[in-house]
Amino acid sequence: MALKQQRTARLEERIEELRAEIDGIIDDRVARIAGESPGVPAGVIRNLLTARAPSCRCAQYIELCKGEANKPD
């Protein structure tokens, strides 16, 4: 039983780490867009970026990165 609790705790830690990493990626994107769009509040930009996948951060990240794969460098 202890092994299962350890695995569960570790999984929860990994999920929290992923959420924090995704938040950082979204924050960076928001900052970049805000720099190109003076006067638009960062909260509005973030909502627009994440609205396509409001269910969870992982889905938001996947949706956000779909557009990046199609953009030329």
N, C-alpha and C. Protein backbone atom coordinates (compact mmCIF):
# COMPACT_ATOMS: atom_id res chain seq x y z
N MET A 1 0.82 -1.19 0.00
CA MET A 1 0.00 0.00 0.00
C MET A 1 0.87 1.26 0.00
N ALA A 2 1.99 1.23 0.67
CA ALA A 2 2.86 2.41 0.75
C ALA A 2 3.42 2.77 -0.62
N LEU A 3 3.73 1.74 -1.43
CA LEU A 3 4.27 2.00 -2.77
C LEU A 3 3.26 2.75 -3.63
N LYS A 4 1.99 2.37 -3.53
CA LYS A 4 0.96 3.05 -4.30
C LYS A 4 0.83 4.50 -3.86
N GLN A 5 0.92 4.77 -2.57
CA GLN A 5 0.84 6.14 -2.07
C GLN A 5 2.02 6.96 -2.56
N GLN A 6 3.21 6.35 -2.60
CA GLN A 6 4.39 7.06 -3.09
C GLN A 6 4.24 7.40 -4.57
N ARG A 7 3.75 6.43 -5.35
CA ARG A 7 3.55 6.69 -6.78
C ARG A 7 2.54 7.80 -6.99
N THR A 8 1.46 7.77 -6.22
CA THR A 8 0.43 8.79 -6.34
C THR A 8 0.98 10.15 -5.98
N ALA A 9 1.75 10.22 -4.91
CA ALA A 9 2.35 11.49 -4.50
C ALA A 9 3.30 11.99 -5.58
N ARG A 10 4.09 11.11 -6.14
CA ARG A 10 5.05 11.50 -7.18
C ARG A 10 4.31 11.98 -8.43
N LEU A 11 3.23 11.30 -8.79
CA LEU A 11 2.45 11.72 -9.94
C LEU A 11 1.87 13.10 -9.71
N GLU A 12 1.36 13.35 -8.53
CA GLU A 12 0.82 14.66 -8.20
C GLU A 12 1.89 15.73 -8.30
N GLU A 13 3.11 15.42 -7.86
CA GLU A 13 4.22 16.37 -7.96
C GLU A 13 4.53 16.67 -9.43
N ARG A 14 4.56 15.64 -10.26
CA ARG A 14 4.85 15.83 -11.67
C ARG A 14 3.78 16.66 -12.35
N ILE A 15 2.52 16.42 -11.98
CA ILE A 15 1.42 17.21 -12.54
C ILE A 15 1.58 18.67 -12.16
N GLU A 16 1.89 18.95 -10.91
CA GLU A 16 2.09 20.33 -10.47
C GLU A 16 3.26 20.97 -11.19
N GLU A 17 4.34 20.22 -11.41
CA GLU A 17 5.49 20.74 -12.14
C GLU A 17 5.11 21.07 -13.59
N LEU A 18 4.36 20.19 -14.22
CA LEU A 18 3.91 20.43 -15.59
C LEU A 18 3.00 21.65 -15.67
N ARG A 19 2.10 21.77 -14.72
CA ARG A 19 1.20 22.93 -14.70
C ARG A 19 1.99 24.22 -14.59
N ALA A 20 2.99 24.23 -13.72
CA ALA A 20 3.81 25.43 -13.55
C ALA A 20 4.60 25.73 -14.82
N GLU A 21 5.12 24.69 -15.46
CA GLU A 21 5.88 24.90 -16.70
C GLU A 21 4.97 25.44 -17.81
N ILE A 22 3.78 24.88 -17.91
CA ILE A 22 2.82 25.35 -18.92
C ILE A 22 2.41 26.79 -18.64
N ASP A 23 2.17 27.11 -17.37
CA ASP A 23 1.84 28.50 -17.02
C ASP A 23 2.95 29.45 -17.46
N GLY A 24 4.19 29.03 -17.27
CA GLY A 24 5.32 29.86 -17.70
C GLY A 24 5.35 30.07 -19.20
N ILE A 25 5.07 29.01 -19.95
CA ILE A 25 5.05 29.11 -21.41
C ILE A 25 3.93 30.05 -21.85
N ILE A 26 2.76 29.91 -21.25
CA ILE A 26 1.64 30.78 -21.59
C ILE A 26 1.96 32.22 -21.19
N ASP A 27 2.54 32.42 -20.02
CA ASP A 27 2.92 33.77 -19.59
C ASP A 27 3.90 34.42 -20.56
N ASP A 28 4.86 33.63 -21.05
CA ASP A 28 5.82 34.16 -22.03
C ASP A 28 5.12 34.59 -23.32
N ARG A 29 4.20 33.75 -23.77
CA ARG A 29 3.46 34.07 -24.99
C ARG A 29 2.61 35.32 -24.78
N VAL A 30 1.97 35.42 -23.62
CA VAL A 30 1.15 36.59 -23.30
C VAL A 30 2.03 37.85 -23.32
N ALA A 31 3.20 37.78 -22.71
CA ALA A 31 4.10 38.94 -22.67
C ALA A 31 4.52 39.36 -24.07
N ARG A 32 4.80 38.38 -24.92
CA ARG A 32 5.21 38.70 -26.28
C ARG A 32 4.08 39.38 -27.05
N ILE A 33 2.89 38.84 -26.93
CA ILE A 33 1.75 39.42 -27.64
C ILE A 33 1.41 40.79 -27.05
N ALA A 34 1.49 40.93 -25.74
CA ALA A 34 1.20 42.22 -25.10
C ALA A 34 2.16 43.29 -25.58
N GLY A 35 3.41 42.91 -25.83
CA GLY A 35 4.39 43.86 -26.34
C GLY A 35 4.03 44.34 -27.74
N GLU A 36 3.35 43.51 -28.51
CA GLU A 36 2.94 43.86 -29.86
C GLU A 36 1.56 44.52 -29.88
N SER A 37 0.86 44.46 -28.74
CA SER A 37 -0.52 44.98 -28.68
C SER A 37 -0.69 45.90 -27.49
N PRO A 38 -0.09 47.08 -27.54
CA PRO A 38 -0.19 47.98 -26.40
C PRO A 38 -1.64 48.33 -26.09
N GLY A 39 -1.95 48.40 -24.83
CA GLY A 39 -3.30 48.76 -24.40
C GLY A 39 -4.22 47.58 -24.15
N VAL A 40 -3.83 46.38 -24.62
CA VAL A 40 -4.66 45.21 -24.39
C VAL A 40 -4.18 44.56 -23.09
N PRO A 41 -5.07 44.42 -22.12
CA PRO A 41 -4.66 43.84 -20.83
C PRO A 41 -4.17 42.39 -20.99
N ALA A 42 -3.15 42.06 -20.21
CA ALA A 42 -2.58 40.71 -20.27
C ALA A 42 -3.62 39.64 -19.96
N GLY A 43 -4.54 39.93 -19.05
CA GLY A 43 -5.57 38.95 -18.72
C GLY A 43 -6.47 38.62 -19.90
N VAL A 44 -6.76 39.63 -20.71
CA VAL A 44 -7.58 39.42 -21.91
C VAL A 44 -6.82 38.56 -22.91
N ILE A 45 -5.55 38.85 -23.09
CA ILE A 45 -4.73 38.07 -24.02
C ILE A 45 -4.65 36.62 -23.56
N ARG A 46 -4.41 36.42 -22.26
CA ARG A 46 -4.33 35.06 -21.73
C ARG A 46 -5.65 34.31 -21.93
N ASN A 47 -6.75 34.99 -21.68
CA ASN A 47 -8.06 34.34 -21.88
C ASN A 47 -8.27 33.95 -23.34
N LEU A 48 -7.86 34.81 -24.24
CA LEU A 48 -8.00 34.50 -25.66
C LEU A 48 -7.12 33.32 -26.07
N LEU A 49 -5.93 33.25 -25.52
CA LEU A 49 -5.03 32.15 -25.84
C LEU A 49 -5.51 30.81 -25.29
N THR A 50 -6.13 30.84 -24.14
CA THR A 50 -6.50 29.58 -23.48
C THR A 50 -7.97 29.21 -23.67
N ALA A 51 -8.75 30.04 -24.31
CA ALA A 51 -10.19 29.80 -24.44
C ALA A 51 -10.53 28.59 -25.30
N ARG A 52 -9.66 28.22 -26.20
CA ARG A 52 -9.96 27.08 -27.07
C ARG A 52 -9.92 25.75 -26.33
N ALA A 53 -9.23 25.72 -25.21
CA ALA A 53 -9.12 24.49 -24.43
C ALA A 53 -9.20 24.83 -22.94
N PRO A 54 -10.36 25.25 -22.48
CA PRO A 54 -10.46 25.71 -21.09
C PRO A 54 -10.44 24.60 -20.05
N SER A 55 -10.43 23.36 -20.48
CA SER A 55 -10.58 22.25 -19.54
C SER A 55 -9.37 22.05 -18.64
N CYS A 56 -8.17 22.10 -19.19
CA CYS A 56 -6.98 21.90 -18.36
C CYS A 56 -5.76 22.51 -19.02
N ARG A 57 -4.71 22.68 -18.25
CA ARG A 57 -3.50 23.32 -18.78
C ARG A 57 -2.84 22.49 -19.87
N CYS A 58 -2.88 21.18 -19.74
CA CYS A 58 -2.26 20.33 -20.76
C CYS A 58 -2.95 20.52 -22.11
N ALA A 59 -4.26 20.54 -22.10
CA ALA A 59 -5.01 20.77 -23.33
C ALA A 59 -4.73 22.17 -23.88
N GLN A 60 -4.60 23.14 -23.00
CA GLN A 60 -4.28 24.50 -23.43
C GLN A 60 -2.91 24.54 -24.11
N TYR A 61 -1.94 23.85 -23.53
CA TYR A 61 -0.59 23.82 -24.10
C TYR A 61 -0.61 23.19 -25.49
N ILE A 62 -1.30 22.07 -25.62
CA ILE A 62 -1.36 21.39 -26.91
C ILE A 62 -2.01 22.29 -27.95
N GLU A 63 -3.09 22.93 -27.59
CA GLU A 63 -3.79 23.83 -28.51
C GLU A 63 -2.91 25.02 -28.88
N LEU A 64 -2.21 25.56 -27.91
CA LEU A 64 -1.34 26.71 -28.13
C LEU A 64 -0.19 26.36 -29.06
N CYS A 65 0.34 25.17 -28.94
CA CYS A 65 1.49 24.76 -29.74
C CYS A 65 1.12 24.32 -31.15
N LYS A 66 -0.14 24.03 -31.39
CA LYS A 66 -0.55 23.65 -32.75
C LYS A 66 -0.20 24.74 -33.74
N GLY A 67 -0.45 25.97 -33.39
CA GLY A 67 -0.16 27.09 -34.28
C GLY A 67 1.33 27.30 -34.48
N GLU A 68 2.12 26.99 -33.49
CA GLU A 68 3.58 27.18 -33.57
C GLU A 68 4.19 26.23 -34.58
N ALA A 69 3.66 25.02 -34.71
CA ALA A 69 4.21 24.03 -35.63
C ALA A 69 4.01 24.46 -37.09
N ASN A 70 2.98 25.25 -37.34
CA ASN A 70 2.68 25.67 -38.70
C ASN A 70 3.35 26.97 -39.10
N LYS A 71 3.98 27.67 -38.16
CA LYS A 71 4.60 28.96 -38.47
C LYS A 71 6.02 28.76 -38.98
N PRO A 72 6.40 29.48 -40.01
CA PRO A 72 7.79 29.39 -40.50
C PRO A 72 8.72 30.11 -39.52
N ASP A 73 9.96 29.65 -39.44
CA ASP A 73 10.95 30.28 -38.56
C ASP A 73 11.48 31.57 -39.10
